[in-house]
């Protein structure tokens, strides 16, 4: 084998190693992206599950606020007499 053949085989081997490393890197990135999207989906589901609690809290506060407003209106009406 000549020196050029050895250099060619070495270059081919380096290319194969580089291709394997690049492929593994791309697979790793794809998995990281999938994991990131999964975490985002979990946060969206958590937010979605919290909406009914927020609505219920707002309804209760609205009832309290309405009662307070009626009491203030009655007090003003009584004070004006």
PDB file of N, CA and C in Angstrom:
ATOM      1  N   UNK A   1       0.844  -1.175   0.000  1.00  0.00           N
ATOM      2  CA  UNK A   1       0.000   0.000   0.000  1.00  0.00           C
ATOM      3  C   UNK A   1       0.885   1.234   0.000  1.00  0.00           C
ATOM      4  N   UNK A   2       0.463   2.155  -0.817  1.00  0.00           N
ATOM      5  CA  UNK A   2       1.229   3.385  -0.909  1.00  0.00           C
ATOM      6  C   UNK A   2       0.781   4.382   0.143  1.00  0.00           C
ATOM      7  N   UNK A   3       1.555   5.429   0.236  1.00  0.00           N
ATOM      8  CA  UNK A   3       1.265   6.459   1.220  1.00  0.00           C
ATOM      9  C   UNK A   3      -0.073   7.145   0.908  1.00  0.00           C
ATOM     10  N   UNK A   4      -0.399   7.306  -0.365  1.00  0.00           N
ATOM     11  CA  UNK A   4      -1.655   7.954  -0.744  1.00  0.00           C
ATOM     12  C   UNK A   4      -2.859   7.082  -0.394  1.00  0.00           C
ATOM     13  N   UNK A   5      -2.699   5.793  -0.494  1.00  0.00           N
ATOM     14  CA  UNK A   5      -3.799   4.895  -0.127  1.00  0.00           C
ATOM     15  C   UNK A   5      -4.057   4.946   1.375  1.00  0.00           C
ATOM     16  N   UNK A   6      -2.993   4.957   2.142  1.00  0.00           N
ATOM     17  CA  UNK A   6      -3.131   5.045   3.604  1.00  0.00           C
ATOM     18  C   UNK A   6      -3.785   6.369   3.981  1.00  0.00           C
ATOM     19  N   UNK A   7      -3.357   7.445   3.342  1.00  0.00           N
ATOM     20  CA  UNK A   7      -3.954   8.756   3.614  1.00  0.00           C
ATOM     21  C   UNK A   7      -5.432   8.757   3.217  1.00  0.00           C
ATOM     22  N   UNK A   8      -5.763   8.122   2.113  1.00  0.00           N
ATOM     23  CA  UNK A   8      -7.162   8.043   1.674  1.00  0.00           C
ATOM     24  C   UNK A   8      -8.016   7.260   2.649  1.00  0.00           C
ATOM     25  N   UNK A   9      -7.497   6.105   3.100  1.00  0.00           N
ATOM     26  CA  UNK A   9      -8.242   5.308   4.081  1.00  0.00           C
ATOM     27  C   UNK A   9      -8.395   6.070   5.407  1.00  0.00           C
ATOM     28  N   UNK A  10      -7.362   6.776   5.800  1.00  0.00           N
ATOM     29  CA  UNK A  10      -7.428   7.560   7.040  1.00  0.00           C
ATOM     30  C   UNK A  10      -8.470   8.672   6.904  1.00  0.00           C
ATOM     31  N   UNK A  11      -8.486   9.334   5.745  1.00  0.00           N
ATOM     32  CA  UNK A  11      -9.472  10.396   5.518  1.00  0.00           C
ATOM     33  C   UNK A  11     -10.884   9.813   5.513  1.00  0.00           C
ATOM     34  N   UNK A  12     -11.056   8.656   4.887  1.00  0.00           N
ATOM     35  CA  UNK A  12     -12.368   8.010   4.861  1.00  0.00           C
ATOM     36  C   UNK A  12     -12.799   7.618   6.274  1.00  0.00           C
ATOM     37  N   UNK A  13     -11.865   7.096   7.061  1.00  0.00           N
ATOM     38  CA  UNK A  13     -12.182   6.714   8.439  1.00  0.00           C
ATOM     39  C   UNK A  13     -12.566   7.948   9.261  1.00  0.00           C
ATOM     40  N   UNK A  14     -11.832   9.045   9.083  1.00  0.00           N
ATOM     41  CA  UNK A  14     -12.162  10.280   9.797  1.00  0.00           C
ATOM     42  C   UNK A  14     -13.547  10.794   9.387  1.00  0.00           C
ATOM     43  N   UNK A  15     -13.854  10.678   8.092  1.00  0.00           N
ATOM     44  CA  UNK A  15     -15.170  11.112   7.623  1.00  0.00           C
ATOM     45  C   UNK A  15     -16.276  10.265   8.246  1.00  0.00           C
ATOM     46  N   UNK A  16     -16.065   8.961   8.326  1.00  0.00           N
ATOM     47  CA  UNK A  16     -17.067   8.072   8.928  1.00  0.00           C
ATOM     48  C   UNK A  16     -17.256   8.417  10.403  1.00  0.00           C
ATOM     49  N   UNK A  17     -16.157   8.642  11.116  1.00  0.00           N
ATOM     50  CA  UNK A  17     -16.247   9.007  12.533  1.00  0.00           C
ATOM     51  C   UNK A  17     -16.990  10.332  12.675  1.00  0.00           C
ATOM     52  N   UNK A  18     -16.657  11.299  11.823  1.00  0.00           N
ATOM     53  CA  UNK A  18     -17.331  12.598  11.872  1.00  0.00           C
ATOM     54  C   UNK A  18     -18.828  12.440  11.594  1.00  0.00           C
ATOM     55  N   UNK A  19     -19.185  11.615  10.615  1.00  0.00           N
ATOM     56  CA  UNK A  19     -20.591  11.403  10.264  1.00  0.00           C
ATOM     57  C   UNK A  19     -21.348  10.777  11.432  1.00  0.00           C
ATOM     58  N   UNK A  20     -20.731   9.821  12.108  1.00  0.00           N
ATOM     59  CA  UNK A  20     -21.379   9.175  13.258  1.00  0.00           C
ATOM     60  C   UNK A  20     -21.581  10.181  14.385  1.00  0.00           C
ATOM     61  N   UNK A  21     -20.557  10.972  14.670  1.00  0.00           N
ATOM     62  CA  UNK A  21     -20.656  11.978  15.736  1.00  0.00           C
ATOM     63  C   UNK A  21     -21.719  13.017  15.382  1.00  0.00           C
ATOM     64  N   UNK A  22     -21.739  13.458  14.127  1.00  0.00           N
ATOM     65  CA  UNK A  22     -22.736  14.446  13.703  1.00  0.00           C
ATOM     66  C   UNK A  22     -24.147  13.873  13.820  1.00  0.00           C
ATOM     67  N   UNK A  23     -24.340  12.639  13.397  1.00  0.00           N
ATOM     68  CA  UNK A  23     -25.658  12.003  13.480  1.00  0.00           C
ATOM     69  C   UNK A  23     -26.106  11.887  14.935  1.00  0.00           C
ATOM     70  N   UNK A  24     -25.204  11.442  15.795  1.00  0.00           N
ATOM     71  CA  UNK A  24     -25.550  11.317  17.217  1.00  0.00           C
ATOM     72  C   UNK A  24     -25.883  12.680  17.821  1.00  0.00           C
ATOM     73  N   UNK A  25     -25.166  13.708  17.403  1.00  0.00           N
ATOM     74  CA  UNK A  25     -25.471  15.058  17.877  1.00  0.00           C
ATOM     75  C   UNK A  25     -26.857  15.511  17.436  1.00  0.00           C
ATOM     76  N   UNK A  26     -27.207  15.215  16.183  1.00  0.00           N
ATOM     77  CA  UNK A  26     -28.534  15.585  15.692  1.00  0.00           C
ATOM     78  C   UNK A  26     -29.633  14.826  16.434  1.00  0.00           C
ATOM     79  N   UNK A  27     -29.409  13.559  16.704  1.00  0.00           N
ATOM     80  CA  UNK A  27     -30.394  12.770  17.454  1.00  0.00           C
ATOM     81  C   UNK A  27     -30.540  13.329  18.863  1.00  0.00           C
ATOM     82  N   UNK A  28     -29.420  13.684  19.488  1.00  0.00           N
ATOM     83  CA  UNK A  28     -29.465  14.254  20.837  1.00  0.00           C
ATOM     84  C   UNK A  28     -30.257  15.562  20.839  1.00  0.00           C
ATOM     85  N   UNK A  29     -30.012  16.415  19.851  1.00  0.00           N
ATOM     86  CA  UNK A  29     -30.741  17.692  19.759  1.00  0.00           C
ATOM     87  C   UNK A  29     -32.237  17.453  19.558  1.00  0.00           C
ATOM     88  N   UNK A  30     -32.576  16.493  18.693  1.00  0.00           N
ATOM     89  CA  UNK A  30     -33.985  16.180  18.456  1.00  0.00           C
ATOM     90  C   UNK A  30     -34.652  15.732  19.753  1.00  0.00           C
ATOM     91  N   UNK A  31     -33.961  14.907  20.531  1.00  0.00           N
ATOM     92  CA  UNK A  31     -34.515  14.447  21.808  1.00  0.00           C
ATOM     93  C   UNK A  31     -34.648  15.594  22.804  1.00  0.00           C
ATOM     94  N   UNK A  32     -33.678  16.502  22.816  1.00  0.00           N
ATOM     95  CA  UNK A  32     -33.756  17.658  23.709  1.00  0.00           C
ATOM     96  C   UNK A  32     -34.933  18.549  23.342  1.00  0.00           C
ATOM     97  N   UNK A  33     -35.155  18.732  22.044  1.00  0.00           N
ATOM     98  CA  UNK A  33     -36.282  19.550  21.593  1.00  0.00           C
ATOM     99  C   UNK A  33     -37.600  18.887  21.977  1.00  0.00           C
ATOM    100  N   UNK A  34     -37.687  17.572  21.790  1.00  0.00           N
ATOM    101  CA  UNK A  34     -38.902  16.854  22.187  1.00  0.00           C
ATOM    102  C   UNK A  34     -39.166  16.977  23.675  1.00  0.00           C
ATOM    103  N   UNK A  35     -38.109  16.895  24.469  1.00  0.00           N
ATOM    104  CA  UNK A  35     -38.248  17.038  25.917  1.00  0.00           C
ATOM    105  C   UNK A  35     -38.705  18.452  26.275  1.00  0.00           C
ATOM    106  N   UNK A  36     -38.142  19.453  25.612  1.00  0.00           N
ATOM    107  CA  UNK A  36     -38.532  20.837  25.892  1.00  0.00           C
ATOM    108  C   UNK A  36     -40.005  21.062  25.561  1.00  0.00           C
ATOM    109  N   UNK A  37     -40.457  20.543  24.420  1.00  0.00           N
ATOM    110  CA  UNK A  37     -41.866  20.691  24.064  1.00  0.00           C
ATOM    111  C   UNK A  37     -42.761  19.940  25.044  1.00  0.00           C
ATOM    112  N   UNK A  38     -42.314  18.811  25.533  1.00  0.00           N
ATOM    113  CA  UNK A  38     -43.101  18.061  26.515  1.00  0.00           C
ATOM    114  C   UNK A  38     -43.254  18.870  27.801  1.00  0.00           C
ATOM    115  N   UNK A  39     -42.190  19.541  28.220  1.00  0.00           N
ATOM    116  CA  UNK A  39     -42.270  20.369  29.419  1.00  0.00           C
ATOM    117  C   UNK A  39     -43.213  21.549  29.215  1.00  0.00           C
ATOM    118  N   UNK A  40     -43.202  22.124  28.020  1.00  0.00           N
ATOM    119  CA  UNK A  40     -44.124  23.217  27.714  1.00  0.00           C
ATOM    120  C   UNK A  40     -45.559  22.710  27.752  1.00  0.00           C
ATOM    121  N   UNK A  41     -45.797  21.528  27.192  1.00  0.00           N
ATOM    122  CA  UNK A  41     -47.142  20.949  27.215  1.00  0.00           C
ATOM    123  C   UNK A  41     -47.619  20.716  28.644  1.00  0.00           C
ATOM    124  N   UNK A  42     -46.716  20.289  29.521  1.00  0.00           N
ATOM    125  CA  UNK A  42     -47.078  20.077  30.925  1.00  0.00           C
ATOM    126  C   UNK A  42     -47.497  21.402  31.559  1.00  0.00           C
ATOM    127  N   UNK A  43     -46.756  22.472  31.271  1.00  0.00           N
ATOM    128  CA  UNK A  43     -47.100  23.776  31.829  1.00  0.00           C
ATOM    129  C   UNK A  43     -48.444  24.273  31.292  1.00  0.00           C
ATOM    130  N   UNK A  44     -48.700  24.062  30.001  1.00  0.00           N
ATOM    131  CA  UNK A  44     -49.990  24.456  29.434  1.00  0.00           C
ATOM    132  C   UNK A  44     -51.129  23.681  30.084  1.00  0.00           C
ATOM    133  N   UNK A  45     -50.933  22.395  30.302  1.00  0.00           N
ATOM    134  CA  UNK A  45     -51.978  21.586  30.942  1.00  0.00           C
ATOM    135  C   UNK A  45     -52.209  22.062  32.368  1.00  0.00           C
ATOM    136  N   UNK A  46     -51.134  22.385  33.072  1.00  0.00           N
ATOM    137  CA  UNK A  46     -51.260  22.881  34.442  1.00  0.00           C
ATOM    138  C   UNK A  46     -52.053  24.188  34.460  1.00  0.00           C
ATOM    139  N   UNK A  47     -51.728  25.093  33.542  1.00  0.00           N
ATOM    140  CA  UNK A  47     -52.467  26.352  33.462  1.00  0.00           C
ATOM    141  C   UNK A  47     -53.937  26.102  33.147  1.00  0.00           C
ATOM    142  N   UNK A  48     -54.176  25.196  32.214  1.00  0.00           N
ATOM    143  CA  UNK A  48     -55.558  24.879  31.836  1.00  0.00           C
ATOM    144  C   UNK A  48     -56.325  24.316  33.024  1.00  0.00           C
ATOM    145  N   UNK A  49     -55.675  23.506  33.832  1.00  0.00           N
ATOM    146  CA  UNK A  49     -56.330  22.927  35.004  1.00  0.00           C
ATOM    147  C   UNK A  49     -56.594  23.973  36.088  1.00  0.00           C
ATOM    148  N   UNK A  50     -55.838  25.066  36.094  1.00  0.00           N
ATOM    149  CA  UNK A  50     -56.022  26.101  37.108  1.00  0.00           C
ATOM    150  C   UNK A  50     -57.130  27.091  36.750  1.00  0.00           C
ATOM    151  N   UNK A  51     -57.565  27.120  35.507  1.00  0.00           N
ATOM    152  CA  UNK A  51     -58.570  28.095  35.080  1.00  0.00           C
ATOM    153  C   UNK A  51     -59.879  27.960  35.860  1.00  0.00           C
ATOM    154  N   UNK A  52     -60.433  26.752  36.067  1.00  0.00           N
ATOM    155  CA  UNK A  52     -61.689  26.670  36.839  1.00  0.00           C
ATOM    156  C   UNK A  52     -61.554  27.247  38.253  1.00  0.00           C
ATOM    157  N   UNK A  53     -60.413  27.053  38.894  1.00  0.00           N
ATOM    158  CA  UNK A  53     -60.207  27.629  40.231  1.00  0.00           C
ATOM    159  C   UNK A  53     -60.224  29.151  40.167  1.00  0.00           C
ATOM    160  N   UNK A  54     -59.603  29.713  39.147  1.00  0.00           N
ATOM    161  CA  UNK A  54     -59.577  31.161  38.988  1.00  0.00           C
ATOM    162  C   UNK A  54     -60.979  31.704  38.736  1.00  0.00           C
ATOM    163  N   UNK A  55     -61.751  31.024  37.913  1.00  0.00           N
ATOM    164  CA  UNK A  55     -63.125  31.455  37.629  1.00  0.00           C
ATOM    165  C   UNK A  55     -63.964  31.403  38.901  1.00  0.00           C
ATOM    166  N   UNK A  56     -63.826  30.337  39.666  1.00  0.00           N
ATOM    167  CA  UNK A  56     -64.596  30.210  40.909  1.00  0.00           C
ATOM    168  C   UNK A  56     -64.210  31.305  41.901  1.00  0.00           C
ATOM    169  N   UNK A  57     -62.936  31.598  42.004  1.00  0.00           N
ATOM    170  CA  UNK A  57     -62.479  32.661  42.896  1.00  0.00           C
ATOM    171  C   UNK A  57     -63.037  34.006  42.454  1.00  0.00           C
ATOM    172  N   UNK A  58     -63.026  34.263  41.161  1.00  0.00           N
ATOM    173  CA  UNK A  58     -63.560  35.527  40.644  1.00  0.00           C
ATOM    174  C   UNK A  58     -65.058  35.637  40.911  1.00  0.00           C
ATOM    175  N   UNK A  59     -65.792  34.538  40.784  1.00  0.00           N
ATOM    176  CA  UNK A  59     -67.232  34.560  41.060  1.00  0.00           C
ATOM    177  C   UNK A  59     -67.496  34.885  42.527  1.00  0.00           C
ATOM    178  N   UNK A  60     -66.732  34.240  43.419  1.00  0.00           N
ATOM    179  CA  UNK A  60     -66.922  34.506  44.850  1.00  0.00           C
ATOM    180  C   UNK A  60     -66.584  35.951  45.180  1.00  0.00           C
ATOM    181  N   UNK A  61     -65.521  36.474  44.588  1.00  0.00           N
ATOM    182  CA  UNK A  61     -65.140  37.861  44.845  1.00  0.00           C
ATOM    183  C   UNK A  61     -66.202  38.808  44.299  1.00  0.00           C
ATOM    184  N   UNK A  62     -66.785  38.472  43.148  1.00  0.00           N
ATOM    185  CA  UNK A  62     -67.840  39.300  42.568  1.00  0.00           C
ATOM    186  C   UNK A  62     -69.044  39.355  43.499  1.00  0.00           C
ATOM    187  N   UNK A  63     -69.403  38.226  44.099  1.00  0.00           N
ATOM    188  CA  UNK A  63     -70.524  38.212  45.046  1.00  0.00           C
ATOM    189  C   UNK A  63     -70.206  39.083  46.256  1.00  0.00           C
ATOM    190  N   UNK A  64     -68.989  38.967  46.760  1.00  0.00           N
ATOM    191  CA  UNK A  64     -68.573  39.781  47.903  1.00  0.00           C
ATOM    192  C   UNK A  64     -68.601  41.258  47.527  1.00  0.00           C
ATOM    193  N   UNK A  65     -68.078  41.580  46.366  1.00  0.00           N
ATOM    194  CA  UNK A  65     -68.024  42.968  45.919  1.00  0.00           C
ATOM    195  C   UNK A  65     -69.434  43.528  45.721  1.00  0.00           C
ATOM    196  N   UNK A  66     -70.331  42.716  45.184  1.00  0.00           N
ATOM    197  CA  UNK A  66     -71.706  43.160  44.970  1.00  0.00           C
ATOM    198  C   UNK A  66     -72.385  43.432  46.310  1.00  0.00           C
ATOM    199  N   UNK A  67     -72.160  42.551  47.281  1.00  0.00           N
ATOM    200  CA  UNK A  67     -72.727  42.766  48.614  1.00  0.00           C
ATOM    201  C   UNK A  67     -72.190  44.031  49.253  1.00  0.00           C
ATOM    202  N   UNK A  68     -70.908  44.275  49.091  1.00  0.00           N
ATOM    203  CA  UNK A  68     -70.293  45.477  49.645  1.00  0.00           C
ATOM    204  C   UNK A  68     -70.860  46.722  48.974  1.00  0.00           C
ATOM    205  N   UNK A  69     -71.011  46.684  47.665  1.00  0.00           N
ATOM    206  CA  UNK A  69     -71.546  47.829  46.932  1.00  0.00           C
ATOM    207  C   UNK A  69     -72.982  48.120  47.348  1.00  0.00           C
ATOM    208  N   UNK A  70     -73.787  47.085  47.530  1.00  0.00           N
ATOM    209  CA  UNK A  70     -75.168  47.283  47.982  1.00  0.00           C
ATOM    210  C   UNK A  70     -75.199  47.880  49.381  1.00  0.00           C
ATOM    211  N   UNK A  71     -74.299  47.437  50.252  1.00  0.00           N
ATOM    212  CA  UNK A  71     -74.241  47.980  51.611  1.00  0.00           C
ATOM    213  C   UNK A  71     -73.839  49.448  51.588  1.00  0.00           C
ATOM    214  N   UNK A  72     -72.887  49.808  50.742  1.00  0.00           N
ATOM    215  CA  UNK A  72     -72.458  51.207  50.636  1.00  0.00           C
ATOM    216  C   UNK A  72     -73.595  52.059  50.078  1.00  0.00           C
ATOM    217  N   UNK A  73     -74.297  51.545  49.072  1.00  0.00           N
ATOM    218  CA  UNK A  73     -75.413  52.294  48.493  1.00  0.00           C
ATOM    219  C   UNK A  73     -76.516  52.504  49.523  1.00  0.00           C
ATOM    220  N   UNK A  74     -76.796  51.483  50.317  1.00  0.00           N
ATOM    221  CA  UNK A  74     -77.821  51.612  51.356  1.00  0.00           C
ATOM    222  C   UNK A  74     -77.378  52.606  52.418  1.00  0.00           C
ATOM    223  N   UNK A  75     -76.108  52.587  52.768  1.00  0.00           N
ATOM    224  CA  UNK A  75     -75.599  53.523  53.770  1.00  0.00           C
ATOM    225  C   UNK A  75     -75.668  54.955  53.250  1.00  0.00           C
ATOM    226  N   UNK A  76     -75.362  55.159  51.987  1.00  0.00           N
ATOM    227  CA  UNK A  76     -75.452  56.503  51.406  1.00  0.00           C
ATOM    228  C   UNK A  76     -76.909  56.980  51.370  1.00  0.00           C
ATOM    229  N   UNK A  77     -77.795  56.072  51.014  1.00  0.00           N
ATOM    230  CA  UNK A  77     -79.210  56.450  50.958  1.00  0.00           C
ATOM    231  C   UNK A  77     -79.719  56.800  52.354  1.00  0.00           C
ATOM    232  N   UNK A  78     -79.265  56.065  53.353  1.00  0.00           N
ATOM    233  CA  UNK A  78     -79.683  56.341  54.724  1.00  0.00           C
ATOM    234  C   UNK A  78     -79.049  57.610  55.262  1.00  0.00           C
ATOM    235  N   UNK A  79     -77.843  57.930  54.822  1.00  0.00           N
ATOM    236  CA  UNK A  79     -77.154  59.121  55.307  1.00  0.00           C
ATOM    237  C   UNK A  79     -77.743  60.382  54.695  1.00  0.00           C
ATOM    238  N   UNK A  80     -78.336  60.267  53.535  1.00  0.00           N
ATOM    239  CA  UNK A  80     -78.894  61.442  52.867  1.00  0.00           C
ATOM    240  C   UNK A  80     -80.231  61.864  53.426  1.00  0.00           C
ATOM    241  N   UNK A  81     -80.843  61.082  54.253  1.00  0.00           N
ATOM    242  CA  UNK A  81     -82.180  61.409  54.781  1.00  0.00           C
ATOM    243  C   UNK A  81     -82.128  62.289  55.974  1.00  0.00           C
TER     244      UNK A  81
END
